[in-house]
């Protein structure tokens, strides 16, 4: 697939996209079903920017003979689009948060995975497998603030997630490191894998709003009808927005005999 340069300048604006963590109740009653699907990227594969790690020789050493790239776009040969958060938007009966933590790792001086789903009240565990010090810093608007240093190969950092939001996490020591933790008030979410697929199980029956979000490509939404004991398929396709054709400049033409100005394109 032919590669084309893709500007990531919109990424910063996209990080605070509302995920619809609460909305009008639409959940059905009396059973559950499963939502499965496939996320694709249509068009030339965007080129991820090269990461310059020279400021930290310990990070740089991990990539001898390689060119480290940002993981903004993970697109397979068939257009399979990874790291897209898919969630069911609605008001649902309370379900306990998982006792196991949501895990975010720091490996090869990048966050892995780049996008994580978690629940309000769940513990977020951040690991550091790198031979260098990291500084884990959340950019929160809902009370999930933390800013902590992790030594090389140190003990995991754990924090209880207090409120729903799309939480962006960075590293003050390595400015290229970014991850997103989508903190949900229900368990009906998934993140697309490298094959572009996702599965959301035990979804209440009825008309449901399913949203798909990518940090640069933004949000899409589809309505589905979940039926008891059945599997509903919903696919999402992301594509770059075509640039509008540039308008020809407007020139002024002086007509001395009439003393008027005529515009033409």
C-alpha atoms as a PDB file:
ATOM      1  CA  UNK A   1       0.000   0.000   0.000  1.00  0.00           C
ATOM      2  CA  UNK A   2       1.404   3.311  -1.009  1.00  0.00           C
ATOM      3  CA  UNK A   3       2.424   5.381   1.955  1.00  0.00           C
ATOM      4  CA  UNK A   4       1.635   9.067   2.265  1.00  0.00           C
ATOM      5  CA  UNK A   5       2.645  11.640   4.803  1.00  0.00           C
ATOM      6  CA  UNK A   6      -0.090  12.318   7.369  1.00  0.00           C
ATOM      7  CA  UNK A   7      -0.060  15.301   9.682  1.00  0.00           C
ATOM      8  CA  UNK A   8      -0.597  14.463  13.361  1.00  0.00           C
ATOM      9  CA  UNK A   9      -1.149  18.096  14.290  1.00  0.00           C
ATOM     10  CA  UNK A  10      -4.796  17.315  15.033  1.00  0.00           C
ATOM     11  CA  UNK A  11      -3.858  14.743  17.650  1.00  0.00           C
ATOM     12  CA  UNK A  12      -3.662  17.209  20.523  1.00  0.00           C
ATOM     13  CA  UNK A  13      -7.149  18.501  19.814  1.00  0.00           C
ATOM     14  CA  UNK A  14      -8.505  14.975  19.494  1.00  0.00           C
ATOM     15  CA  UNK A  15      -7.277  13.782  22.882  1.00  0.00           C
ATOM     16  CA  UNK A  16     -10.142  15.454  24.749  1.00  0.00           C
ATOM     17  CA  UNK A  17     -12.908  14.055  22.529  1.00  0.00           C
ATOM     18  CA  UNK A  18     -15.927  13.148  24.674  1.00  0.00           C
ATOM     19  CA  UNK A  19     -16.475   9.416  24.696  1.00  0.00           C
ATOM     20  CA  UNK A  20     -20.071   9.637  25.837  1.00  0.00           C
ATOM     21  CA  UNK A  21     -19.388   8.043  29.206  1.00  0.00           C
ATOM     22  CA  UNK A  22     -22.951   8.843  30.294  1.00  0.00           C
ATOM     23  CA  UNK A  23     -26.081   9.433  28.217  1.00  0.00           C
ATOM     24  CA  UNK A  24     -29.815   8.785  27.976  1.00  0.00           C
ATOM     25  CA  UNK A  25     -30.752   5.244  29.034  1.00  0.00           C
ATOM     26  CA  UNK A  26     -31.204   3.002  26.008  1.00  0.00           C
ATOM     27  CA  UNK A  27     -30.335  -0.422  27.397  1.00  0.00           C
ATOM     28  CA  UNK A  28     -32.754  -3.264  26.830  1.00  0.00           C
ATOM     29  CA  UNK A  29     -34.023  -5.636  29.484  1.00  0.00           C
ATOM     30  CA  UNK A  30     -34.119  -9.405  29.850  1.00  0.00           C
ATOM     31  CA  UNK A  31     -30.987 -10.778  28.238  1.00  0.00           C
ATOM     32  CA  UNK A  32     -27.662 -10.041  26.633  1.00  0.00           C
ATOM     33  CA  UNK A  33     -25.916 -10.438  23.323  1.00  0.00           C
ATOM     34  CA  UNK A  34     -22.464  -9.947  21.832  1.00  0.00           C
ATOM     35  CA  UNK A  35     -21.164  -7.187  19.580  1.00  0.00           C
ATOM     36  CA  UNK A  36     -18.271  -8.020  17.267  1.00  0.00           C
ATOM     37  CA  UNK A  37     -16.704  -6.067  14.473  1.00  0.00           C
ATOM     38  CA  UNK A  38     -13.724  -5.027  12.436  1.00  0.00           C
ATOM     39  CA  UNK A  39     -12.091  -1.606  12.197  1.00  0.00           C
ATOM     40  CA  UNK A  40     -10.384  -0.610   8.952  1.00  0.00           C
ATOM     41  CA  UNK A  41      -8.382   2.321   7.688  1.00  0.00           C
ATOM     42  CA  UNK A  42      -9.116   3.218   4.080  1.00  0.00           C
ATOM     43  CA  UNK A  43      -6.568   5.085   2.003  1.00  0.00           C
ATOM     44  CA  UNK A  44      -2.776   5.433   1.905  1.00  0.00           C
ATOM     45  CA  UNK A  45      -1.247   4.308   5.187  1.00  0.00           C
ATOM     46  CA  UNK A  46      -0.141   7.364   7.190  1.00  0.00           C
ATOM     47  CA  UNK A  47       3.573   7.521   7.942  1.00  0.00           C
ATOM     48  CA  UNK A  48       4.248   7.609  11.665  1.00  0.00           C
ATOM     49  CA  UNK A  49       6.876  10.159  12.668  1.00  0.00           C
ATOM     50  CA  UNK A  50      10.358   8.972  13.550  1.00  0.00           C
ATOM     51  CA  UNK A  51      11.233   9.358  17.233  1.00  0.00           C
ATOM     52  CA  UNK A  52      14.569  10.981  18.029  1.00  0.00           C
ATOM     53  CA  UNK A  53      15.774   9.331  21.241  1.00  0.00           C
ATOM     54  CA  UNK A  54      19.265  10.775  21.353  1.00  0.00           C
ATOM     55  CA  UNK A  55      18.430  12.789  24.466  1.00  0.00           C
ATOM     56  CA  UNK A  56      18.406   9.533  26.444  1.00  0.00           C
ATOM     57  CA  UNK A  57      21.269   7.206  25.418  1.00  0.00           C
ATOM     58  CA  UNK A  58      19.652   4.323  27.311  1.00  0.00           C
ATOM     59  CA  UNK A  59      16.538   4.608  25.127  1.00  0.00           C
ATOM     60  CA  UNK A  60      18.616   5.155  22.017  1.00  0.00           C
ATOM     61  CA  UNK A  61      20.592   1.985  22.715  1.00  0.00           C
ATOM     62  CA  UNK A  62      17.405  -0.078  22.526  1.00  0.00           C
ATOM     63  CA  UNK A  63      17.068   0.780  18.841  1.00  0.00           C
ATOM     64  CA  UNK A  64      20.565   0.215  17.473  1.00  0.00           C
ATOM     65  CA  UNK A  65      20.209  -0.319  13.735  1.00  0.00           C
ATOM     66  CA  UNK A  66      16.495   0.535  13.887  1.00  0.00           C
ATOM     67  CA  UNK A  67      14.360   3.611  13.410  1.00  0.00           C
ATOM     68  CA  UNK A  68      11.893   3.984  16.304  1.00  0.00           C
ATOM     69  CA  UNK A  69       8.499   5.184  15.152  1.00  0.00           C
ATOM     70  CA  UNK A  70       5.540   6.632  16.997  1.00  0.00           C
ATOM     71  CA  UNK A  71       2.674   4.157  17.292  1.00  0.00           C
ATOM     72  CA  UNK A  72      -0.064   6.593  16.317  1.00  0.00           C
ATOM     73  CA  UNK A  73      -1.203   4.570  13.293  1.00  0.00           C
ATOM     74  CA  UNK A  74      -0.986   0.782  13.378  1.00  0.00           C
ATOM     75  CA  UNK A  75      -2.465  -0.324  10.057  1.00  0.00           C
ATOM     76  CA  UNK A  76      -2.156  -3.831   8.612  1.00  0.00           C
ATOM     77  CA  UNK A  77      -1.649  -4.693   4.969  1.00  0.00           C
ATOM     78  CA  UNK A  78      -5.395  -5.298   4.585  1.00  0.00           C
ATOM     79  CA  UNK A  79      -6.281  -2.017   6.301  1.00  0.00           C
ATOM     80  CA  UNK A  80      -6.772  -3.574   9.751  1.00  0.00           C
ATOM     81  CA  UNK A  81      -6.741  -0.616  12.162  1.00  0.00           C
ATOM     82  CA  UNK A  82      -5.451  -1.196  15.697  1.00  0.00           C
ATOM     83  CA  UNK A  83      -5.743   0.876  18.878  1.00  0.00           C
ATOM     84  CA  UNK A  84      -9.280   2.064  18.161  1.00  0.00           C
ATOM     85  CA  UNK A  85     -11.451   2.239  21.268  1.00  0.00           C
ATOM     86  CA  UNK A  86     -14.969   0.852  20.732  1.00  0.00           C
ATOM     87  CA  UNK A  87     -17.572   1.355  23.453  1.00  0.00           C
ATOM     88  CA  UNK A  88     -21.313   1.052  23.976  1.00  0.00           C
ATOM     89  CA  UNK A  89     -22.703   4.395  25.067  1.00  0.00           C
ATOM     90  CA  UNK A  90     -25.618   4.313  27.466  1.00  0.00           C
ATOM     91  CA  UNK A  91     -26.930   4.127  31.004  1.00  0.00           C
ATOM     92  CA  UNK A  92     -26.699   0.589  32.357  1.00  0.00           C
ATOM     93  CA  UNK A  93     -27.194  -1.194  35.688  1.00  0.00           C
ATOM     94  CA  UNK A  94     -24.200  -0.907  37.963  1.00  0.00           C
ATOM     95  CA  UNK A  95     -21.562  -3.587  37.516  1.00  0.00           C
ATOM     96  CA  UNK A  96     -18.572  -3.987  39.830  1.00  0.00           C
ATOM     97  CA  UNK A  97     -15.202  -2.881  38.544  1.00  0.00           C
ATOM     98  CA  UNK A  98     -12.716  -5.683  37.830  1.00  0.00           C
ATOM     99  CA  UNK A  99     -10.501  -6.664  40.730  1.00  0.00           C
ATOM    100  CA  UNK A 100      -7.575  -7.198  38.361  1.00  0.00           C
ATOM    101  CA  UNK A 101      -5.803  -3.984  37.377  1.00  0.00           C
ATOM    102  CA  UNK A 102      -5.757  -2.392  33.942  1.00  0.00           C
ATOM    103  CA  UNK A 103      -2.099  -2.584  32.947  1.00  0.00           C
ATOM    104  CA  UNK A 104       0.000  -0.023  31.104  1.00  0.00           C
ATOM    105  CA  UNK A 105       3.617  -0.911  30.432  1.00  0.00           C
ATOM    106  CA  UNK A 106       6.669   1.167  29.565  1.00  0.00           C
ATOM    107  CA  UNK A 107       8.758  -0.908  27.208  1.00  0.00           C
ATOM    108  CA  UNK A 108      11.422   0.228  24.743  1.00  0.00           C
ATOM    109  CA  UNK A 109      10.710   3.789  25.869  1.00  0.00           C
ATOM    110  CA  UNK A 110       7.135   3.720  24.640  1.00  0.00           C
ATOM    111  CA  UNK A 111       3.801   3.025  26.324  1.00  0.00           C
ATOM    112  CA  UNK A 112       2.342  -0.412  25.583  1.00  0.00           C
ATOM    113  CA  UNK A 113      -0.496  -0.626  24.770  1.00  0.00           C
ATOM    114  CA  UNK A 114      -1.117   2.858  23.491  1.00  0.00           C
ATOM    115  CA  UNK A 115      -4.858   2.701  24.247  1.00  0.00           C
ATOM    116  CA  UNK A 116      -6.278   1.017  27.351  1.00  0.00           C
ATOM    117  CA  UNK A 117      -9.861   0.592  28.508  1.00  0.00           C
ATOM    118  CA  UNK A 118     -10.585   0.664  32.243  1.00  0.00           C
ATOM    119  CA  UNK A 119     -13.444   1.127  34.713  1.00  0.00           C
ATOM    120  CA  UNK A 120     -14.213   3.738  37.310  1.00  0.00           C
ATOM    121  CA  UNK A 121     -12.980   2.249  40.586  1.00  0.00           C
ATOM    122  CA  UNK A 122     -10.496  -0.061  38.896  1.00  0.00           C
ATOM    123  CA  UNK A 123      -6.780   0.081  39.650  1.00  0.00           C
ATOM    124  CA  UNK A 124      -4.452   1.265  36.906  1.00  0.00           C
ATOM    125  CA  UNK A 125      -1.058  -0.412  37.167  1.00  0.00           C
ATOM    126  CA  UNK A 126       1.874   1.174  35.345  1.00  0.00           C
ATOM    127  CA  UNK A 127       5.015  -0.900  34.863  1.00  0.00           C
ATOM    128  CA  UNK A 128       8.526   0.106  33.839  1.00  0.00           C
ATOM    129  CA  UNK A 129      10.502  -2.602  32.044  1.00  0.00           C
ATOM    130  CA  UNK A 130      13.042  -0.143  30.652  1.00  0.00           C
ATOM    131  CA  UNK A 131      16.636   0.395  31.785  1.00  0.00           C
ATOM    132  CA  UNK A 132      15.898   4.091  32.258  1.00  0.00           C
ATOM    133  CA  UNK A 133      13.842   6.287  34.559  1.00  0.00           C
ATOM    134  CA  UNK A 134      10.365   7.384  33.482  1.00  0.00           C
ATOM    135  CA  UNK A 135       7.996  10.005  34.842  1.00  0.00           C
ATOM    136  CA  UNK A 136       4.353   8.977  34.545  1.00  0.00           C
ATOM    137  CA  UNK A 137       2.147  12.053  34.302  1.00  0.00           C
ATOM    138  CA  UNK A 138      -1.626  12.089  33.757  1.00  0.00           C
ATOM    139  CA  UNK A 139      -3.421  15.052  32.193  1.00  0.00           C
ATOM    140  CA  UNK A 140      -6.776  14.826  33.962  1.00  0.00           C
ATOM    141  CA  UNK A 141      -9.862  16.983  34.189  1.00  0.00           C
ATOM    142  CA  UNK A 142     -11.822  14.623  36.445  1.00  0.00           C
ATOM    143  CA  UNK A 143      -9.664  13.988  39.509  1.00  0.00           C
ATOM    144  CA  UNK A 144      -7.414  11.263  38.115  1.00  0.00           C
ATOM    145  CA  UNK A 145      -4.236  13.305  38.512  1.00  0.00           C
ATOM    146  CA  UNK A 146      -0.884  11.683  39.205  1.00  0.00           C
ATOM    147  CA  UNK A 147       2.707  12.582  38.505  1.00  0.00           C
ATOM    148  CA  UNK A 148       5.259  10.061  39.672  1.00  0.00           C
ATOM    149  CA  UNK A 149       8.788   8.946  38.876  1.00  0.00           C
ATOM    150  CA  UNK A 150       9.555   5.296  38.205  1.00  0.00           C
ATOM    151  CA  UNK A 151      13.148   4.053  38.469  1.00  0.00           C
ATOM    152  CA  UNK A 152      14.546   1.592  35.913  1.00  0.00           C
ATOM    153  CA  UNK A 153      12.880  -1.828  36.261  1.00  0.00           C
ATOM    154  CA  UNK A 154      11.198  -0.549  39.422  1.00  0.00           C
ATOM    155  CA  UNK A 155       8.071  -1.585  41.276  1.00  0.00           C
ATOM    156  CA  UNK A 156       4.786  -0.981  39.435  1.00  0.00           C
ATOM    157  CA  UNK A 157       2.930   2.240  40.196  1.00  0.00           C
ATOM    158  CA  UNK A 158      -0.737   1.768  41.051  1.00  0.00           C
ATOM    159  CA  UNK A 159      -3.574   4.269  41.298  1.00  0.00           C
ATOM    160  CA  UNK A 160      -7.339   3.852  41.698  1.00  0.00           C
ATOM    161  CA  UNK A 161      -9.296   5.517  38.908  1.00  0.00           C
ATOM    162  CA  UNK A 162     -11.855   7.871  40.382  1.00  0.00           C
ATOM    163  CA  UNK A 163     -14.012   9.188  37.555  1.00  0.00           C
ATOM    164  CA  UNK A 164     -14.849   8.623  33.916  1.00  0.00           C
ATOM    165  CA  UNK A 165     -12.834  10.438  31.278  1.00  0.00           C
ATOM    166  CA  UNK A 166     -10.421   9.946  28.419  1.00  0.00           C
ATOM    167  CA  UNK A 167      -7.170  10.191  30.341  1.00  0.00           C
ATOM    168  CA  UNK A 168      -4.019  11.123  28.481  1.00  0.00           C
ATOM    169  CA  UNK A 169      -0.741   9.947  30.000  1.00  0.00           C
ATOM    170  CA  UNK A 170       2.682  11.275  29.106  1.00  0.00           C
ATOM    171  CA  UNK A 171       6.267  10.994  30.322  1.00  0.00           C
ATOM    172  CA  UNK A 172       7.986  14.188  31.398  1.00  0.00           C
ATOM    173  CA  UNK A 173      11.383  12.588  30.742  1.00  0.00           C
ATOM    174  CA  UNK A 174      10.563  11.443  27.209  1.00  0.00           C
ATOM    175  CA  UNK A 175       8.230  13.839  25.433  1.00  0.00           C
ATOM    176  CA  UNK A 176       7.393  11.398  22.622  1.00  0.00           C
ATOM    177  CA  UNK A 177       5.669   8.947  25.006  1.00  0.00           C
ATOM    178  CA  UNK A 178       1.862   9.082  24.982  1.00  0.00           C
ATOM    179  CA  UNK A 179      -0.913   6.716  26.034  1.00  0.00           C
ATOM    180  CA  UNK A 180      -4.661   6.976  26.544  1.00  0.00           C
ATOM    181  CA  UNK A 181      -6.756   5.341  29.261  1.00  0.00           C
ATOM    182  CA  UNK A 182     -10.500   5.429  28.590  1.00  0.00           C
ATOM    183  CA  UNK A 183     -12.151   5.230  32.012  1.00  0.00           C
ATOM    184  CA  UNK A 184     -15.697   3.882  31.621  1.00  0.00           C
ATOM    185  CA  UNK A 185     -18.734   3.566  33.870  1.00  0.00           C
ATOM    186  CA  UNK A 186     -19.791   0.278  32.238  1.00  0.00           C
ATOM    187  CA  UNK A 187     -17.975  -2.872  31.065  1.00  0.00           C
ATOM    188  CA  UNK A 188     -19.045  -2.696  27.416  1.00  0.00           C
ATOM    189  CA  UNK A 189     -15.886  -1.638  25.598  1.00  0.00           C
ATOM    190  CA  UNK A 190     -12.919  -3.064  23.724  1.00  0.00           C
ATOM    191  CA  UNK A 191      -9.826  -1.902  21.839  1.00  0.00           C
ATOM    192  CA  UNK A 192      -9.221  -3.179  18.320  1.00  0.00           C
ATOM    193  CA  UNK A 193      -6.248  -5.505  17.933  1.00  0.00           C
ATOM    194  CA  UNK A 194      -3.617  -5.601  15.209  1.00  0.00           C
ATOM    195  CA  UNK A 195      -6.089  -7.555  13.068  1.00  0.00           C
ATOM    196  CA  UNK A 196      -8.631  -4.758  13.509  1.00  0.00           C
ATOM    197  CA  UNK A 197     -11.154  -6.933  15.324  1.00  0.00           C
ATOM    198  CA  UNK A 198     -12.975  -6.371  18.603  1.00  0.00           C
ATOM    199  CA  UNK A 199     -15.513  -8.219  20.745  1.00  0.00           C
ATOM    200  CA  UNK A 200     -17.834  -6.804  23.408  1.00  0.00           C
ATOM    201  CA  UNK A 201     -19.664  -9.523  25.333  1.00  0.00           C
ATOM    202  CA  UNK A 202     -22.764  -9.590  27.555  1.00  0.00           C
ATOM    203  CA  UNK A 203     -24.255  -6.376  26.161  1.00  0.00           C
ATOM    204  CA  UNK A 204     -27.856  -5.718  27.280  1.00  0.00           C
ATOM    205  CA  UNK A 205     -30.367  -6.325  24.507  1.00  0.00           C
ATOM    206  CA  UNK A 206     -32.043  -3.483  22.634  1.00  0.00           C
ATOM    207  CA  UNK A 207     -31.036  -0.542  20.493  1.00  0.00           C
ATOM    208  CA  UNK A 208     -27.503   0.446  21.426  1.00  0.00           C
ATOM    209  CA  UNK A 209     -25.197   3.243  20.373  1.00  0.00           C
ATOM    210  CA  UNK A 210     -21.699   2.002  19.541  1.00  0.00           C
ATOM    211  CA  UNK A 211     -18.850   4.485  19.255  1.00  0.00           C
ATOM    212  CA  UNK A 212     -15.366   4.053  17.813  1.00  0.00           C
ATOM    213  CA  UNK A 213     -12.577   6.517  18.639  1.00  0.00           C
ATOM    214  CA  UNK A 214      -9.034   7.024  17.368  1.00  0.00           C
ATOM    215  CA  UNK A 215      -6.702   9.661  18.748  1.00  0.00           C
ATOM    216  CA  UNK A 216      -6.234  11.383  15.371  1.00  0.00           C
ATOM    217  CA  UNK A 217      -9.175  10.202  13.255  1.00  0.00           C
ATOM    218  CA  UNK A 218     -11.745  11.110  15.883  1.00  0.00           C
ATOM    219  CA  UNK A 219     -15.129   9.528  16.607  1.00  0.00           C
ATOM    220  CA  UNK A 220     -17.708   7.508  14.685  1.00  0.00           C
ATOM    221  CA  UNK A 221     -21.052   6.205  15.914  1.00  0.00           C
ATOM    222  CA  UNK A 222     -23.497   3.518  14.745  1.00  0.00           C
ATOM    223  CA  UNK A 223     -26.753   2.194  16.137  1.00  0.00           C
ATOM    224  CA  UNK A 224     -27.179  -1.571  16.483  1.00  0.00           C
ATOM    225  CA  UNK A 225     -29.936  -3.886  17.677  1.00  0.00           C
ATOM    226  CA  UNK A 226     -28.558  -6.352  20.206  1.00  0.00           C
ATOM    227  CA  UNK A 227     -30.631  -9.525  20.521  1.00  0.00           C
ATOM    228  CA  UNK A 228     -30.585 -12.080  23.314  1.00  0.00           C
ATOM    229  CA  UNK A 229     -28.081 -14.856  22.805  1.00  0.00           C
ATOM    230  CA  UNK A 230     -27.062 -13.578  19.383  1.00  0.00           C
ATOM    231  CA  UNK A 231     -24.023 -11.877  17.874  1.00  0.00           C
ATOM    232  CA  UNK A 232     -24.396  -8.499  16.204  1.00  0.00           C
ATOM    233  CA  UNK A 233     -21.733  -7.294  13.792  1.00  0.00           C
ATOM    234  CA  UNK A 234     -20.797  -3.642  13.382  1.00  0.00           C
ATOM    235  CA  UNK A 235     -17.815  -2.519  11.294  1.00  0.00           C
ATOM    236  CA  UNK A 236     -16.110   0.857  11.248  1.00  0.00           C
ATOM    237  CA  UNK A 237     -14.034   2.382   8.450  1.00  0.00           C
ATOM    238  CA  UNK A 238     -11.839   5.428   8.965  1.00  0.00           C
ATOM    239  CA  UNK A 239     -10.503   7.470   6.084  1.00  0.00           C
ATOM    240  CA  UNK A 240      -8.743  10.815   5.776  1.00  0.00           C
ATOM    241  CA  UNK A 241     -10.966  13.754   4.906  1.00  0.00           C
ATOM    242  CA  UNK A 242     -10.325  14.893   1.321  1.00  0.00           C
ATOM    243  CA  UNK A 243      -8.826  18.324   1.119  1.00  0.00           C
ATOM    244  CA  UNK A 244     -11.038  20.844  -0.670  1.00  0.00           C
ATOM    245  CA  UNK A 245      -9.734  22.054  -4.004  1.00  0.00           C
ATOM    246  CA  UNK A 246      -7.964  25.358  -3.692  1.00  0.00           C
ATOM    247  CA  UNK A 247      -9.977  28.248  -5.107  1.00  0.00           C
ATOM    248  CA  UNK A 248      -8.411  30.226  -7.885  1.00  0.00           C
ATOM    249  CA  UNK A 249      -7.410  33.742  -6.820  1.00  0.00           C
ATOM    250  CA  UNK A 250      -9.757  36.611  -7.613  1.00  0.00           C
ATOM    251  CA  UNK A 251      -8.179  39.257  -9.833  1.00  0.00           C
ATOM    252  CA  UNK A 252      -9.358  42.757 -10.608  1.00  0.00           C
ATOM    253  CA  UNK A 253      -9.574  43.877 -14.224  1.00  0.00           C
ATOM    254  CA  UNK A 254      -9.746  47.603 -14.917  1.00  0.00           C
ATOM    255  CA  UNK A 255     -11.873  48.615 -17.900  1.00  0.00           C
ATOM    256  CA  UNK A 256     -11.016  52.276 -18.575  1.00  0.00           C
ATOM    257  CA  UNK A 257     -13.979  52.911 -20.882  1.00  0.00           C
ATOM    258  CA  UNK A 258     -16.443  52.000 -18.178  1.00  0.00           C
ATOM    259  CA  UNK A 259     -14.400  52.916 -15.165  1.00  0.00           C
ATOM    260  CA  UNK A 260     -15.538  49.689 -13.508  1.00  0.00           C
ATOM    261  CA  UNK A 261     -13.840  46.717 -11.919  1.00  0.00           C
ATOM    262  CA  UNK A 262     -14.810  43.227 -13.089  1.00  0.00           C
ATOM    263  CA  UNK A 263     -13.925  40.111 -11.148  1.00  0.00           C
ATOM    264  CA  UNK A 264     -13.005  36.865 -12.808  1.00  0.00           C
ATOM    265  CA  UNK A 265     -11.629  33.500 -11.714  1.00  0.00           C
END
